C-alpha cells in the first residue's frame, strides 16, 4: 500500500438520504399502526463508509452523484461537515436524489428498507478521472454502478492500489468488477446466488479461487461475519450491544474493514474491528448515527462481548 498520497481512501458509489420510521412493532399486512417517530438521516453504502473512516482520522475522497433537490443539499452538507473531500460529487439537474423509507421495529431494531434511485444518478464510466481514482492508498466501491466501479477498480489495480468492494446483489456484469477486487465483503446471500453453491463457505471459497482475491467475506447479520483468505476461514461473531436500529451496520462494517487495511492490520483483526464498529453503529438511529470513536470500538473488542458462540452450529456443520 502506497505511503505518500493525497488521500487515504477514495470511494465511488452510493449516497442516500433515509427517512427512519420507528414503529412499536412491525405491522401486519393490511393493518394500521401509529409510528413513534420519523427522522431524516444521511446514508448510502460508500458515503457512510467514508464518513466512518474520516471520523477515525483518515483522509477520504468521495466520487458520486446527487440530485439538485433538498435531499441532495442535505447529503452534500453531511459529507462536508464530516470532512470528506467532495470535489467529484456531481449534481444532476432536475433529478431527485436517492432516498429510502426505512421501517424500524422498536423492539429489535431490525429494519425494512423501501428505496428508489433515479437512473440519472448512475455514474457514467467516462465521467471518471483516473487521476482522481488513483489519488488514494485504497479504493472502495459498491456494485450499483458496476461498469464505473469496474473501471475505477481496474485503474487502481494497475497502480498497485488495493480495492475493497461492498456487493449486495447480482448486478449486470458484476463478474467484471469482481475480477478487479482485492477484498470483497458481500451480503450473506450474494456468494450462493453468484456461484449456485448453497453452502456459504463453499461459495466463498469458489469466489476466492475464481477471482483470485486476497480475501473474500460476507456479513451474516446477527451471526457476525465469515471470510476466506485462500488457506483458512476466519469467523467473527457479532458483538452484544443494545440495538436501536440496524440501518447502516453493513456500510460501517465496510468502513471499518477499509480503515483496518490502511492501518496494515491482518484480515482477522480487520474483520473484528469492522464487526465491533458495525455493532456500535446499531446503538443509535440512522446509518451514521452510532459511528463510534476508534477508542470505543477497540474497547468493545477488548471486552469481547460476543453475541453468541464462535462458529454457530449451522456454520460448523458446513465447515466440517
Foldseek 3Di string as FASTA:
>chain_A
DDDDFPFAEEEEEWKEKEWEWEFQADDDPPDDGDTDDIDIDIGIQRLLLQLLLLLQPGAYEYAFEAEPDPRRVVNVVVSVVSRYHYPRYYYDYPAHGKYWYWYAHQVQQEIDIDIDHDPVRQDDLVSDDLCSLCRHQAYEYECPNPVNLLVSLVSCVVVVRAYEYEYEDDDPPNVSNLLSHQEYEYAQCPLCVVPVDPQSVVSQLVSCVVSVHQKYKYADVQQAIWIDRNPDIAGDGAADDRFRHLAQLVSQLSSQLSSCVSVVDDNNVSSLLSRLQSNQCRNDDDNNGRRDHSVNSVVSSVVPRGPDDIQPPVRVVSVD
